[in-house]
C-alpha atoms as a PDB file:
ATOM      1  CA  MET A   1      24.350  11.241  -2.496  1.00  0.00           C
ATOM      2  CA  ASN A   2      24.024  14.011  -4.989  1.00  0.00           C
ATOM      3  CA  GLU A   3      21.497  13.952  -7.833  1.00  0.00           C
ATOM      4  CA  PHE A   4      24.083  15.290 -10.285  1.00  0.00           C
ATOM      5  CA  GLY A   5      26.189  12.157 -10.071  1.00  0.00           C
ATOM      6  CA  ILE A   6      29.541  11.359  -8.553  1.00  0.00           C
ATOM      7  CA  PHE A   7      32.854  10.035  -9.778  1.00  0.00           C
ATOM      8  CA  SER A   8      34.488   6.661  -9.191  1.00  0.00           C
ATOM      9  CA  LYS A   9      36.667   7.630  -6.216  1.00  0.00           C
ATOM     10  CA  GLU A  10      33.614   8.712  -4.174  1.00  0.00           C
ATOM     11  CA  VAL A  11      31.684   5.576  -5.172  1.00  0.00           C
ATOM     12  CA  ALA A  12      34.595   3.290  -4.263  1.00  0.00           C
ATOM     13  CA  THR A  13      34.886   5.012  -0.908  1.00  0.00           C
ATOM     14  CA  SER A  14      31.158   4.743  -0.193  1.00  0.00           C
ATOM     15  CA  LEU A  15      31.168   1.029  -1.114  1.00  0.00           C
ATOM     16  CA  ASP A  16      34.445   0.468   0.757  1.00  0.00           C
ATOM     17  CA  ILE A  17      36.130  -1.151  -2.237  1.00  0.00           C
ATOM     18  CA  PRO A  18      39.283  -0.297  -4.189  1.00  0.00           C
ATOM     19  CA  THR A  19      38.801   1.844  -7.320  1.00  0.00           C
ATOM     20  CA  SER A  20      40.296  -1.021  -9.360  1.00  0.00           C
ATOM     21  CA  ASN A  21      37.410  -3.288  -8.259  1.00  0.00           C
ATOM     22  CA  LEU A  22      34.903  -0.568  -9.111  1.00  0.00           C
ATOM     23  CA  ARG A  23      36.399  -0.241 -12.596  1.00  0.00           C
ATOM     24  CA  LYS A  24      36.326  -4.035 -13.109  1.00  0.00           C
ATOM     25  CA  TRP A  25      32.719  -4.347 -11.888  1.00  0.00           C
ATOM     26  CA  SER A  26      31.632  -1.415 -14.045  1.00  0.00           C
ATOM     27  CA  LEU A  27      33.226  -2.976 -17.137  1.00  0.00           C
ATOM     28  CA  LEU A  28      31.540  -6.320 -16.458  1.00  0.00           C
ATOM     29  CA  LEU A  29      28.175  -4.614 -16.064  1.00  0.00           C
ATOM     30  CA  GLU A  30      28.710  -2.649 -19.281  1.00  0.00           C
ATOM     31  CA  GLU A  31      29.635  -5.843 -21.147  1.00  0.00           C
ATOM     32  CA  SER A  32      26.275  -7.245 -20.028  1.00  0.00           C
ATOM     33  CA  GLY A  33      24.367  -4.224 -21.336  1.00  0.00           C
ATOM     34  CA  TYR A  34      24.349  -1.884 -18.352  1.00  0.00           C
ATOM     35  CA  VAL A  35      24.830   1.746 -19.370  1.00  0.00           C
ATOM     36  CA  PHE A  36      26.689   4.256 -17.229  1.00  0.00           C
ATOM     37  CA  GLU A  37      26.456   7.886 -18.159  1.00  0.00           C
ATOM     38  CA  ARG A  38      29.761   9.444 -19.178  1.00  0.00           C
ATOM     39  CA  ASN A  39      31.008  13.014 -19.256  1.00  0.00           C
ATOM     40  CA  GLU A  40      32.827  14.790 -22.107  1.00  0.00           C
ATOM     41  CA  LYS A  41      36.128  13.188 -20.944  1.00  0.00           C
ATOM     42  CA  ASN A  42      34.491   9.732 -21.209  1.00  0.00           C
ATOM     43  CA  GLN A  43      34.598   9.265 -17.432  1.00  0.00           C
ATOM     44  CA  ARG A  44      31.774   7.314 -15.842  1.00  0.00           C
ATOM     45  CA  ILE A  45      29.361   9.363 -13.776  1.00  0.00           C
ATOM     46  CA  TYR A  46      27.607   7.312 -11.116  1.00  0.00           C
ATOM     47  CA  TYR A  47      24.069   8.058  -9.969  1.00  0.00           C
ATOM     48  CA  ASN A  48      22.047   6.517  -7.133  1.00  0.00           C
ATOM     49  CA  ARG A  49      20.758   3.721  -9.361  1.00  0.00           C
ATOM     50  CA  ASP A  50      24.343   2.859 -10.365  1.00  0.00           C
ATOM     51  CA  VAL A  51      25.608   2.858  -6.790  1.00  0.00           C
ATOM     52  CA  ASN A  52      22.655   0.657  -5.804  1.00  0.00           C
ATOM     53  CA  ALA A  53      23.498  -1.826  -8.574  1.00  0.00           C
ATOM     54  CA  LEU A  54      27.152  -1.930  -7.516  1.00  0.00           C
ATOM     55  CA  SER A  55      26.148  -2.281  -3.881  1.00  0.00           C
ATOM     56  CA  GLN A  56      23.991  -5.290  -4.813  1.00  0.00           C
ATOM     57  CA  MET A  57      26.981  -6.819  -6.597  1.00  0.00           C
ATOM     58  CA  LYS A  58      29.078  -6.385  -3.483  1.00  0.00           C
ATOM     59  CA  ILE A  59      26.420  -8.029  -1.309  1.00  0.00           C
ATOM     60  CA  PHE A  60      26.121 -11.016  -3.666  1.00  0.00           C
ATOM     61  CA  MET A  61      29.867 -11.497  -3.771  1.00  0.00           C
ATOM     62  CA  GLU A  62      30.100 -11.267   0.014  1.00  0.00           C
ATOM     63  CA  LYS A  63      27.647 -14.184   0.104  1.00  0.00           C
ATOM     64  CA  ASN A  64      30.229 -16.345  -1.723  1.00  0.00           C
ATOM     65  CA  ARG A  65      28.788 -15.839  -5.178  1.00  0.00           C
ATOM     66  CA  ASN A  66      31.174 -15.440  -8.036  1.00  0.00           C
ATOM     67  CA  ILE A  67      31.349 -12.146  -9.868  1.00  0.00           C
ATOM     68  CA  GLU A  68      29.703 -13.488 -13.042  1.00  0.00           C
ATOM     69  CA  ASP A  69      26.633 -14.648 -11.102  1.00  0.00           C
ATOM     70  CA  ALA A  70      26.497 -11.327  -9.268  1.00  0.00           C
ATOM     71  CA  VAL A  71      26.551  -9.456 -12.604  1.00  0.00           C
ATOM     72  CA  LYS A  72      23.725 -11.647 -13.977  1.00  0.00           C
ATOM     73  CA  VAL A  73      21.541 -11.069 -10.920  1.00  0.00           C
ATOM     74  CA  VAL A  74      22.123  -7.304 -10.940  1.00  0.00           C
ATOM     75  CA  ILE A  75      21.451  -7.025 -14.693  1.00  0.00           C
ATOM     76  CA  LYS A  76      18.230  -9.040 -14.281  1.00  0.00           C
ATOM     77  CA  ARG A  77      17.058  -6.793 -11.437  1.00  0.00           C
ATOM     78  CA  VAL A  78      17.885  -3.643 -13.388  1.00  0.00           C
ATOM     79  CA  GLN A  79      16.017  -4.941 -16.438  1.00  0.00           C
ATOM     80  CA  ASP A  80      13.015  -5.923 -14.306  1.00  0.00           C
ATOM     81  CA  LYS A  81      12.944  -2.481 -12.691  1.00  0.00           C
ATOM     82  CA  LYS A  82      13.284  -0.766 -16.066  1.00  0.00           C
ATOM     83  CA  SER A  83      10.438  -2.851 -17.453  1.00  0.00           C
ATOM     84  CA  ALA A  84       8.250  -2.025 -14.442  1.00  0.00           C
ATOM     85  CA  ASP A  85       9.090   1.680 -14.777  1.00  0.00           C
ATOM     86  CA  GLU A  86       8.198   1.634 -18.489  1.00  0.00           C
ATOM     87  CA  THR A  87       4.893  -0.076 -17.751  1.00  0.00           C
ATOM     88  CA  LEU A  88       4.106   2.504 -15.087  1.00  0.00           C
ATOM     89  CA  SER A  89       5.020   5.282 -17.505  1.00  0.00           C
ATOM     90  CA  VAL A  90       2.651   3.884 -20.135  1.00  0.00           C
ATOM     91  CA  ILE A  91      -0.117   3.696 -17.549  1.00  0.00           C
ATOM     92  CA  ARG A  92       0.501   7.296 -16.484  1.00  0.00           C
ATOM     93  CA  ASP A  93       0.648   8.540 -20.086  1.00  0.00           C
ATOM     94  CA  SER A  94      -2.485   6.720 -21.205  1.00  0.00           C
ATOM     95  CA  ASP A  95      -5.918   8.279 -20.927  1.00  0.00           C
ATOM     96  CA  SER A  96      -7.396   8.283 -17.481  1.00  0.00           C
ATOM     97  CA  GLU A  97     -10.427   6.506 -18.907  1.00  0.00           C
ATOM     98  CA  ILE A  98     -10.872   3.009 -17.555  1.00  0.00           C
ATOM     99  CA  THR A  99     -12.644   0.401 -19.610  1.00  0.00           C
ATOM    100  CA  LEU A 100     -14.343  -2.566 -17.994  1.00  0.00           C
ATOM    101  CA  GLU A 101     -15.784  -5.735 -19.360  1.00  0.00           C
ATOM    102  CA  LYS A 102     -19.544  -6.057 -18.966  1.00  0.00           C
ATOM    103  CA  SER A 103     -19.076  -8.937 -16.510  1.00  0.00           C
ATOM    104  CA  ASP A 104     -16.641  -6.865 -14.378  1.00  0.00           C
ATOM    105  CA  LEU A 105     -19.054  -3.943 -14.282  1.00  0.00           C
ATOM    106  CA  LYS A 106     -21.918  -6.275 -13.356  1.00  0.00           C
ATOM    107  CA  GLU A 107     -19.851  -7.764 -10.519  1.00  0.00           C
ATOM    108  CA  ILE A 108     -18.925  -4.312  -9.187  1.00  0.00           C
ATOM    109  CA  MET A 109     -22.555  -3.200  -9.274  1.00  0.00           C
ATOM    110  CA  GLN A 110     -23.735  -6.372  -7.524  1.00  0.00           C
ATOM    111  CA  MET A 111     -21.158  -5.877  -4.762  1.00  0.00           C
ATOM    112  CA  ALA A 112     -22.210  -2.236  -4.305  1.00  0.00           C
ATOM    113  CA  ILE A 113     -25.900  -3.183  -4.147  1.00  0.00           C
ATOM    114  CA  LYS A 114     -25.215  -6.016  -1.711  1.00  0.00           C
ATOM    115  CA  THR A 115     -23.208  -3.677   0.545  1.00  0.00           C
ATOM    116  CA  ALA A 116     -25.971  -1.064   0.477  1.00  0.00           C
ATOM    117  CA  LEU A 117     -28.609  -3.696   1.291  1.00  0.00           C
ATOM    118  CA  VAL A 118     -26.600  -5.037   4.228  1.00  0.00           C
ATOM    119  CA  GLU A 119     -26.177  -1.493   5.592  1.00  0.00           C
ATOM    120  CA  GLN A 120     -29.908  -0.814   5.239  1.00  0.00           C
ATOM    121  CA  LYS A 121     -30.775  -4.133   6.893  1.00  0.00           C
ATOM    122  CA  ASN A 122     -28.500  -3.331   9.840  1.00  0.00           C
ATOM    123  CA  GLU A 123     -30.030   0.125  10.218  1.00  0.00           C
ATOM    124  CA  PHE A 124     -33.559  -1.278   9.990  1.00  0.00           C
ATOM    125  CA  THR A 125     -32.777  -3.979  12.560  1.00  0.00           C
ATOM    126  CA  SER A 126     -31.369  -1.387  14.947  1.00  0.00           C
ATOM    127  CA  LEU A 127     -34.419   0.851  14.560  1.00  0.00           C
ATOM    128  CA  PHE A 128     -36.783  -2.124  14.993  1.00  0.00           C
ATOM    129  CA  LYS A 129     -35.081  -3.152  18.246  1.00  0.00           C
ATOM    130  CA  GLU A 130     -35.339   0.406  19.530  1.00  0.00           C
ATOM    131  CA  TYR A 131     -39.045   0.451  18.597  1.00  0.00           C
ATOM    132  CA  GLN A 132     -39.614  -2.847  20.438  1.00  0.00           C
ATOM    133  CA  GLN A 133     -37.969  -1.456  23.568  1.00  0.00           C
ATOM    134  CA  MET A 134     -40.054   1.715  23.399  1.00  0.00           C
ATOM    135  CA  ALA A 135     -43.212  -0.343  22.896  1.00  0.00           C
ATOM    136  CA  ALA A 136     -42.351  -2.469  25.929  1.00  0.00           C
ATOM    137  CA  VAL A 137     -41.864   0.634  28.055  1.00  0.00           C
ATOM    138  CA  ALA A 138     -45.125   2.102  26.808  1.00  0.00           C
ATOM    139  CA  GLN A 139     -46.884  -1.169  27.615  1.00  0.00           C
ATOM    140  CA  GLU A 140     -45.466  -1.128  31.149  1.00  0.00           C
ATOM    141  CA  GLU A 141     -46.567   2.486  31.621  1.00  0.00           C
ATOM    142  CA  LYS A 142     -50.125   1.574  30.657  1.00  0.00           C
ATOM    143  CA  LYS A 143     -50.201  -0.999  33.463  1.00  0.00           C
ATOM    144  CA  LEU A 144     -49.292   1.592  36.100  1.00  0.00           C
ATOM    145  CA  PRO A 145     -51.991   3.825  37.485  1.00  0.00           C
ATOM    146  CA  ASP A 146     -51.383   7.521  36.856  1.00  0.00           C
ATOM    147  CA  SER A 147     -50.713   8.848  40.341  1.00  0.00           C
ATOM    148  CA  ASN A 148     -47.930  10.603  42.166  1.00  0.00           C
ATOM    149  CA  ASP A 149     -47.305   7.449  44.220  1.00  0.00           C
ATOM    150  CA  ASN A 150     -46.180   5.573  41.113  1.00  0.00           C
ATOM    151  CA  TRP A 151     -43.826   8.310  39.910  1.00  0.00           C
ATOM    152  CA  VAL A 152     -40.799   6.455  41.343  1.00  0.00           C
ATOM    153  CA  ALA A 153     -41.837   3.254  39.562  1.00  0.00           C
ATOM    154  CA  ARG A 154     -42.130   5.120  36.221  1.00  0.00           C
ATOM    155  CA  MET A 155     -38.683   6.685  36.707  1.00  0.00           C
ATOM    156  CA  LYS A 156     -37.175   3.254  37.380  1.00  0.00           C
ATOM    157  CA  LEU A 157     -38.831   1.903  34.250  1.00  0.00           C
ATOM    158  CA  GLU A 158     -37.593   4.845  32.182  1.00  0.00           C
ATOM    159  CA  HIS A 159     -34.092   4.365  33.602  1.00  0.00           C
ATOM    160  CA  LYS A 160     -34.310   0.675  32.688  1.00  0.00           C
ATOM    161  CA  PHE A 161     -35.224   1.615  29.101  1.00  0.00           C
ATOM    162  CA  ARG A 162     -32.347   4.085  28.789  1.00  0.00           C
ATOM    163  CA  GLY A 163     -29.929   1.490  30.119  1.00  0.00           C
ATOM    164  CA  LYS A 164     -30.998  -0.959  27.409  1.00  0.00           C
ATOM    165  CA  THR A 165     -30.530   1.509  24.592  1.00  0.00           C
ATOM    166  CA  LYS A 166     -26.963   2.231  25.685  1.00  0.00           C
ATOM    167  CA  ASN A 167     -26.010  -1.464  25.435  1.00  0.00           C
END
């Protein structure tokens, strides 16, 4: 669909409804406060948002809802979307400065500190386990006499240590 808008015949065709139904639905929506843009000849120009609203009406009526209920639901959804868009616009237009309550800031800082402490504890625990394994290997090496005959035994012990650090 084109961003410049389309006329009723194209909308009716895309929704697979007669142009008379489109006119009736459009009038009912307008009576409930919906605004369609019009050209200099006072013809309605339909945009994506309008076609979406009309498509929703069609879906509601296909589900055995009467046209008045369908109009109410569509108007409510359009108003909700408009309200959400306005809120988002205000947020975007406001300063990028964020203000926090003292209690919120305290909670954020406590969470950050707790996370940092947990990370440091995990790192310390990992390093301590590695140190214990190295100390055990060193202790085993002290028990072995330093000769060429025990070279194979030292290699096995070193291999054992490396295997533990990979797990």
